[in-house]
C-alpha atoms as a PDB file:
ATOM      1  CA  MET A   1       0.000   0.000   0.000  1.00  0.00           C
ATOM      2  CA  LEU A   2       2.821   2.376   0.894  1.00  0.00           C
ATOM      3  CA  ARG A   3       4.499   1.432  -2.369  1.00  0.00           C
ATOM      4  CA  PHE A   4       1.501   2.698  -4.399  1.00  0.00           C
ATOM      5  CA  PHE A   5       1.543   5.931  -2.412  1.00  0.00           C
ATOM      6  CA  TRP A   6       5.182   6.601  -3.370  1.00  0.00           C
ATOM      7  CA  ILE A   7       4.587   5.675  -7.017  1.00  0.00           C
ATOM      8  CA  GLY A   8       1.645   8.077  -7.124  1.00  0.00           C
ATOM      9  CA  LEU A   9       3.627  10.848  -5.440  1.00  0.00           C
ATOM     10  CA  ILE A  10       6.537  10.455  -7.838  1.00  0.00           C
ATOM     11  CA  SER A  11       4.107  10.464 -10.790  1.00  0.00           C
ATOM     12  CA  VAL A  12       2.582  13.743  -9.620  1.00  0.00           C
ATOM     13  CA  PHE A  13       6.007  15.380  -9.328  1.00  0.00           C
ATOM     14  CA  LEU A  14       7.038  14.152 -12.770  1.00  0.00           C
ATOM     15  CA  LEU A  15       3.827  15.492 -14.305  1.00  0.00           C
ATOM     16  CA  ALA A  16       4.340  18.833 -12.587  1.00  0.00           C
ATOM     17  CA  ALA A  17       7.829  19.046 -14.075  1.00  0.00           C
ATOM     18  CA  VAL A  18       7.011  17.859 -17.615  1.00  0.00           C
ATOM     19  CA  VAL A  19       3.600  19.403 -18.370  1.00  0.00           C
ATOM     20  CA  PRO A  20       4.800  23.064 -18.257  1.00  0.00           C
ATOM     21  CA  LEU A  21       7.444  22.194 -20.848  1.00  0.00           C
ATOM     22  CA  LEU A  22       4.746  20.962 -23.220  1.00  0.00           C
ATOM     23  CA  TRP A  23       2.666  24.151 -22.993  1.00  0.00           C
ATOM     24  CA  PRO A  24       2.945  26.507 -26.025  1.00  0.00           C
ATOM     25  CA  SER A  25       4.619  29.422 -24.225  1.00  0.00           C
ATOM     26  CA  LYS A  26       4.577  31.753 -21.250  1.00  0.00           C
ATOM     27  CA  ASN A  27       1.141  32.750 -19.960  1.00  0.00           C
ATOM     28  CA  GLY A  28      -0.525  31.329 -23.062  1.00  0.00           C
ATOM     29  CA  LYS A  29       1.120  33.948 -25.303  1.00  0.00           C
ATOM     30  CA  LYS A  30       2.710  32.840 -28.535  1.00  0.00           C
ATOM     31  CA  SER A  31       6.313  33.700 -29.196  1.00  0.00           C
ATOM     32  CA  VAL A  32       7.110  36.446 -31.690  1.00  0.00           C
ATOM     33  CA  THR A  33       8.852  33.907 -33.899  1.00  0.00           C
ATOM     34  CA  ASP A  34       8.551  30.214 -34.586  1.00  0.00           C
ATOM     35  CA  GLU A  35      12.266  29.882 -33.969  1.00  0.00           C
ATOM     36  CA  ARG A  36      14.058  31.049 -30.860  1.00  0.00           C
ATOM     37  CA  LEU A  37      14.863  34.778 -30.836  1.00  0.00           C
ATOM     38  CA  ASP A  38      17.270  35.539 -28.004  1.00  0.00           C
ATOM     39  CA  VAL A  39      17.896  39.167 -27.109  1.00  0.00           C
ATOM     40  CA  ILE A  40      20.390  41.015 -24.923  1.00  0.00           C
ATOM     41  CA  VAL A  41      19.439  44.561 -23.863  1.00  0.00           C
ATOM     42  CA  LEU A  42      22.139  47.056 -22.880  1.00  0.00           C
ATOM     43  CA  ASN A  43      21.581  50.529 -21.436  1.00  0.00           C
ATOM     44  CA  GLY A  44      23.785  53.042 -23.242  1.00  0.00           C
ATOM     45  CA  THR A  45      22.353  55.993 -21.333  1.00  0.00           C
ATOM     46  CA  LYS A  46      22.601  57.338 -17.804  1.00  0.00           C
ATOM     47  CA  ARG A  47      18.919  56.636 -17.152  1.00  0.00           C
ATOM     48  CA  HIS A  48      18.488  54.327 -14.198  1.00  0.00           C
ATOM     49  CA  ARG A  49      16.886  50.875 -14.832  1.00  0.00           C
ATOM     50  CA  LEU A  50      16.229  51.536 -18.539  1.00  0.00           C
ATOM     51  CA  ALA A  51      17.516  48.145 -19.720  1.00  0.00           C
ATOM     52  CA  TYR A  52      15.457  46.401 -17.033  1.00  0.00           C
ATOM     53  CA  ASN A  53      12.267  48.235 -18.021  1.00  0.00           C
ATOM     54  CA  VAL A  54      12.768  47.542 -21.744  1.00  0.00           C
ATOM     55  CA  SER A  55      13.515  43.884 -20.962  1.00  0.00           C
ATOM     56  CA  GLN A  56      10.269  43.525 -19.048  1.00  0.00           C
ATOM     57  CA  TYR A  57       8.378  45.156 -21.912  1.00  0.00           C
ATOM     58  CA  LEU A  58       9.934  42.815 -24.500  1.00  0.00           C
ATOM     59  CA  ARG A  59       9.217  39.767 -22.332  1.00  0.00           C
ATOM     60  CA  SER A  60       5.571  40.822 -22.143  1.00  0.00           C
ATOM     61  CA  LYS A  61       5.560  40.739 -25.961  1.00  0.00           C
ATOM     62  CA  GLY A  62       6.908  37.168 -26.055  1.00  0.00           C
ATOM     63  CA  ILE A  63      10.570  37.938 -26.755  1.00  0.00           C
ATOM     64  CA  ASP A  64      13.196  35.938 -24.848  1.00  0.00           C
ATOM     65  CA  VAL A  65      15.525  38.383 -23.096  1.00  0.00           C
ATOM     66  CA  LEU A  66      18.610  36.471 -21.999  1.00  0.00           C
ATOM     67  CA  HIS A  67      20.352  39.338 -20.252  1.00  0.00           C
ATOM     68  CA  TYR A  68      20.067  43.042 -19.563  1.00  0.00           C
ATOM     69  CA  GLY A  69      22.628  45.445 -18.164  1.00  0.00           C
ATOM     70  CA  ASN A  70      24.721  48.511 -18.859  1.00  0.00           C
ATOM     71  CA  ALA A  71      26.695  49.147 -22.029  1.00  0.00           C
ATOM     72  CA  ASP A  72      30.396  49.946 -21.797  1.00  0.00           C
ATOM     73  CA  THR A  73      29.830  53.605 -22.729  1.00  0.00           C
ATOM     74  CA  THR A  74      26.994  56.012 -23.536  1.00  0.00           C
ATOM     75  CA  TYR A  75      25.424  56.104 -26.991  1.00  0.00           C
ATOM     76  CA  ALA A  76      23.566  58.929 -28.716  1.00  0.00           C
ATOM     77  CA  GLN A  77      21.544  56.547 -30.881  1.00  0.00           C
ATOM     78  CA  THR A  78      19.696  53.288 -30.197  1.00  0.00           C
ATOM     79  CA  PHE A  79      20.983  50.289 -32.140  1.00  0.00           C
ATOM     80  CA  ILE A  80      19.269  46.993 -32.871  1.00  0.00           C
ATOM     81  CA  ILE A  81      22.026  44.616 -33.892  1.00  0.00           C
ATOM     82  CA  ASP A  82      21.221  41.475 -35.844  1.00  0.00           C
ATOM     83  CA  ARG A  83      23.918  38.857 -35.199  1.00  0.00           C
ATOM     84  CA  LYS A  84      22.700  36.169 -37.653  1.00  0.00           C
ATOM     85  CA  ASP A  85      21.028  37.631 -40.773  1.00  0.00           C
ATOM     86  CA  SER A  86      23.327  39.974 -42.703  1.00  0.00           C
ATOM     87  CA  VAL A  87      21.094  40.252 -45.775  1.00  0.00           C
ATOM     88  CA  SER A  88      17.594  41.195 -44.619  1.00  0.00           C
ATOM     89  CA  LEU A  89      18.186  41.815 -40.875  1.00  0.00           C
ATOM     90  CA  SER A  90      15.024  39.771 -40.279  1.00  0.00           C
ATOM     91  CA  ASN A  91      15.693  39.144 -36.587  1.00  0.00           C
ATOM     92  CA  ALA A  92      16.374  42.817 -35.852  1.00  0.00           C
ATOM     93  CA  LYS A  93      13.210  43.780 -37.742  1.00  0.00           C
ATOM     94  CA  LYS A  94      11.118  41.535 -35.484  1.00  0.00           C
ATOM     95  CA  VAL A  95      12.480  43.311 -32.417  1.00  0.00           C
ATOM     96  CA  ALA A  96      12.153  46.738 -34.090  1.00  0.00           C
ATOM     97  CA  LYS A  97       8.377  46.339 -33.969  1.00  0.00           C
ATOM     98  CA  TYR A  98       8.695  47.055 -30.238  1.00  0.00           C
ATOM     99  CA  VAL A  99      11.898  49.092 -29.898  1.00  0.00           C
ATOM    100  CA  LYS A 100      12.803  51.764 -32.437  1.00  0.00           C
ATOM    101  CA  GLY A 101      16.438  52.120 -33.435  1.00  0.00           C
ATOM    102  CA  LYS A 102      18.970  51.867 -36.223  1.00  0.00           C
ATOM    103  CA  LEU A 103      19.176  48.334 -37.624  1.00  0.00           C
ATOM    104  CA  ILE A 104      22.693  47.031 -38.238  1.00  0.00           C
ATOM    105  CA  TYR A 105      24.474  43.724 -38.697  1.00  0.00           C
ATOM    106  CA  VAL A 106      27.491  42.647 -36.658  1.00  0.00           C
ATOM    107  CA  PRO A 107      28.727  39.068 -37.166  1.00  0.00           C
ATOM    108  CA  ASP A 108      28.111  36.654 -34.319  1.00  0.00           C
ATOM    109  CA  THR A 109      31.433  35.696 -32.750  1.00  0.00           C
ATOM    110  CA  ASP A 110      30.315  34.865 -29.220  1.00  0.00           C
ATOM    111  CA  ASN A 111      27.131  32.898 -30.042  1.00  0.00           C
ATOM    112  CA  LEU A 112      25.253  34.418 -27.105  1.00  0.00           C
ATOM    113  CA  ALA A 113      22.181  36.027 -28.636  1.00  0.00           C
ATOM    114  CA  THR A 114      20.470  36.544 -31.968  1.00  0.00           C
ATOM    115  CA  VAL A 115      19.862  40.266 -31.390  1.00  0.00           C
ATOM    116  CA  TYR A 116      21.567  42.889 -29.230  1.00  0.00           C
ATOM    117  CA  ILE A 117      19.824  46.136 -28.345  1.00  0.00           C
ATOM    118  CA  ILE A 118      21.901  49.099 -27.223  1.00  0.00           C
ATOM    119  CA  LEU A 119      19.611  51.797 -25.883  1.00  0.00           C
ATOM    120  CA  GLY A 120      20.850  55.294 -26.714  1.00  0.00           C
ATOM    121  CA  GLN A 121      19.991  58.815 -25.613  1.00  0.00           C
ATOM    122  CA  ASP A 122      17.346  59.000 -28.363  1.00  0.00           C
ATOM    123  CA  TYR A 123      15.314  56.177 -26.802  1.00  0.00           C
ATOM    124  CA  ARG A 124      11.842  57.442 -25.888  1.00  0.00           C
END
């Protein structure tokens, strides 16, 4: 009898761990893309918590923000950097629906994220 109890308890824990992985996405929202779109957001201004606030906004839109933090220096302009698609900048364009900035391509050497956003002084 005790054996069935433990089997049932283990089954419940396994279901609790596996079922969320099978769900479509966070909070029932679909992702912006069918493929994974990883983003890093960097604050290139002196405004406090800007990268955090933009990260939360992007997450609410279904974009996976891997990291947010401060840039190494200040920037006058906001950049959306596509690290994978040099021809059409398709990944950067998907993010640009939510954050306005200059779209550029920089080759991916570190393999960390598909898109980098550097928030500049011009960011709303």
